[in-house]
């Protein structure tokens, strides 16, 4: 007979986020923070605003008034990173940087695109480039008055 002390707790109850640890800010990468449809990507690319870094380009478009959260889409092509492992690792690095800095980003739709083949692939360099692009985006946003 199994006693209740030997049964592990349910995983969902163990991993519920405690928002107090993050200053009360939700840092999840939920679906509402993602660009998912083709027309969303097309409208951002069609807006034709971009910031270029050493490895990445951020295309951006302001969101409608009343929508306060930034959303992220990614384009990591096979031409620049041949291995699926490297493409997935690049996506993880980009998502993590976005997740950490989302609360400080302006309300816009972002597409992060790999522009140059990183040789060799370095996640820290990619993260540093994206962080500097986010800083430049915030600076431009303030300079334009949020458009």
Protein backbone atom coordinates (compact mmCIF):
# COMPACT_ATOMS: atom_id res chain seq x y z
CA UNK A 1 0.00 0.00 0.00
CA UNK A 2 1.36 3.38 -1.00
CA UNK A 3 1.24 6.14 1.51
CA UNK A 4 0.68 9.71 0.41
CA UNK A 5 4.17 10.65 1.54
CA UNK A 6 5.75 8.60 -1.25
CA UNK A 7 3.76 10.17 -4.08
CA UNK A 8 5.37 13.10 -5.81
CA UNK A 9 3.34 16.32 -6.02
CA UNK A 10 1.82 17.25 -9.37
CA UNK A 11 4.26 19.07 -11.61
CA UNK A 12 1.84 21.88 -12.42
CA UNK A 13 1.51 22.89 -8.81
CA UNK A 14 5.26 22.80 -8.23
CA UNK A 15 6.17 25.08 -11.13
CA UNK A 16 3.59 27.85 -10.77
CA UNK A 17 5.50 31.13 -11.12
CA UNK A 18 5.83 33.34 -8.08
CA UNK A 19 5.56 36.85 -9.53
CA UNK A 20 6.96 38.40 -6.36
CA UNK A 21 10.38 37.00 -7.29
CA UNK A 22 10.29 39.08 -10.50
CA UNK A 23 9.03 42.31 -8.98
CA UNK A 24 5.42 41.46 -9.81
CA UNK A 25 6.10 41.30 -13.57
CA UNK A 26 4.94 38.32 -15.60
CA UNK A 27 8.00 37.12 -17.53
CA UNK A 28 6.43 34.19 -19.36
CA UNK A 29 6.57 33.90 -23.14
CA UNK A 30 2.86 33.36 -23.61
CA UNK A 31 1.11 33.25 -26.98
CA UNK A 32 -0.05 36.87 -26.63
CA UNK A 33 3.60 37.96 -26.84
CA UNK A 34 4.23 36.18 -30.19
CA UNK A 35 3.64 37.01 -33.82
CA UNK A 36 2.06 33.87 -35.22
CA UNK A 37 0.28 34.65 -38.48
CA UNK A 38 1.75 35.41 -41.89
CA UNK A 39 -0.17 38.68 -42.23
CA UNK A 40 1.30 39.91 -38.93
CA UNK A 41 4.81 39.27 -40.27
CA UNK A 42 3.93 40.89 -43.61
CA UNK A 43 2.60 44.05 -41.98
CA UNK A 44 5.77 44.48 -39.89
CA UNK A 45 8.02 43.94 -42.91
CA UNK A 46 5.78 46.28 -44.93
CA UNK A 47 6.14 49.06 -42.34
CA UNK A 48 9.84 49.18 -43.34
CA UNK A 49 11.40 50.30 -40.06
CA UNK A 50 14.50 48.42 -38.95
CA UNK A 51 17.53 48.64 -36.70
CA UNK A 52 20.66 46.76 -37.72
CA UNK A 53 23.23 45.26 -35.35
CA UNK A 54 26.36 43.23 -36.00
CA UNK A 55 24.48 39.90 -36.31
CA UNK A 56 20.77 40.74 -36.15
CA UNK A 57 18.20 43.09 -37.62
CA UNK A 58 15.07 44.14 -35.73
CA UNK A 59 12.09 45.09 -37.88
CA UNK A 60 9.42 46.89 -35.88
CA UNK A 61 5.96 48.40 -36.15
CA UNK A 62 4.01 50.29 -33.45
CA UNK A 63 0.96 48.50 -32.08
CA UNK A 64 -2.51 50.02 -31.96
CA UNK A 65 -3.23 52.33 -29.07
CA UNK A 66 -4.46 50.53 -26.00
CA UNK A 67 -2.28 47.48 -26.68
CA UNK A 68 0.64 47.84 -24.31
CA UNK A 69 2.67 44.66 -24.83
CA UNK A 70 5.47 44.05 -27.29
CA UNK A 71 5.21 40.94 -29.46
CA UNK A 72 8.04 38.93 -31.01
CA UNK A 73 8.51 37.04 -34.26
CA UNK A 74 11.75 35.44 -35.47
CA UNK A 75 13.28 34.63 -38.84
CA UNK A 76 16.31 32.34 -38.66
CA UNK A 77 17.12 31.06 -42.16
CA UNK A 78 18.82 27.84 -43.21
CA UNK A 79 21.11 29.86 -45.47
CA UNK A 80 22.88 31.37 -42.48
CA UNK A 81 22.67 28.53 -39.97
CA UNK A 82 22.74 25.13 -41.65
CA UNK A 83 22.22 23.00 -38.54
CA UNK A 84 18.79 22.83 -36.94
CA UNK A 85 20.51 22.66 -33.57
CA UNK A 86 22.08 26.08 -34.14
CA UNK A 87 18.84 27.60 -35.46
CA UNK A 88 16.91 26.34 -32.43
CA UNK A 89 19.62 27.58 -30.09
CA UNK A 90 19.47 31.02 -31.72
CA UNK A 91 15.68 31.06 -31.23
CA UNK A 92 16.06 30.12 -27.57
CA UNK A 93 18.59 32.91 -26.98
CA UNK A 94 16.38 35.47 -28.73
CA UNK A 95 13.24 34.36 -26.85
CA UNK A 96 15.05 34.51 -23.52
CA UNK A 97 16.38 38.03 -24.13
CA UNK A 98 12.92 39.18 -25.23
CA UNK A 99 11.28 37.53 -22.22
CA UNK A 100 13.68 39.26 -19.82
CA UNK A 101 13.38 42.71 -21.40
CA UNK A 102 9.76 42.67 -22.59
CA UNK A 103 8.50 44.86 -19.75
CA UNK A 104 10.91 47.66 -20.78
CA UNK A 105 10.18 47.45 -24.52
CA UNK A 106 7.73 49.81 -26.22
CA UNK A 107 4.36 48.55 -27.46
CA UNK A 108 5.36 47.30 -30.89
CA UNK A 109 5.54 44.19 -33.02
CA UNK A 110 9.13 43.04 -33.45
CA UNK A 111 10.69 40.64 -35.91
CA UNK A 112 14.24 39.63 -35.10
CA UNK A 113 16.08 38.38 -38.17
CA UNK A 114 19.54 36.88 -38.41
CA UNK A 115 21.44 39.01 -40.93
CA UNK A 116 24.98 37.63 -40.84
CA UNK A 117 26.24 34.09 -40.44
CA UNK A 118 27.82 33.84 -36.99
CA UNK A 119 31.02 31.86 -37.43
CA UNK A 120 31.38 30.12 -35.04
CA UNK A 121 27.95 30.29 -33.43
CA UNK A 122 28.14 32.06 -30.05
CA UNK A 123 24.97 32.48 -27.99
CA UNK A 124 26.54 35.12 -25.74
CA UNK A 125 27.48 37.29 -28.70
CA UNK A 126 23.97 36.90 -30.12
CA UNK A 127 22.40 37.85 -26.77
CA UNK A 128 24.68 40.89 -26.40
CA UNK A 129 23.82 42.08 -29.93
CA UNK A 130 20.10 41.73 -29.28
CA UNK A 131 20.33 43.55 -25.95
CA UNK A 132 22.11 46.48 -27.62
CA UNK A 133 19.43 46.54 -30.34
CA UNK A 134 16.70 46.67 -27.69
CA UNK A 135 18.47 49.64 -26.07
CA UNK A 136 18.65 51.41 -29.45
CA UNK A 137 14.97 50.64 -30.08
CA UNK A 138 13.94 52.18 -26.74
CA UNK A 139 16.10 55.23 -27.45
CA UNK A 140 14.58 55.71 -30.92
CA UNK A 141 11.10 55.20 -29.54
CA UNK A 142 11.57 57.93 -26.93
CA UNK A 143 13.09 60.24 -29.55
CA UNK A 144 10.03 59.93 -31.76
CA UNK A 145 7.56 60.25 -28.94
CA UNK A 146 6.30 56.68 -29.39
CA UNK A 147 5.02 57.48 -32.91
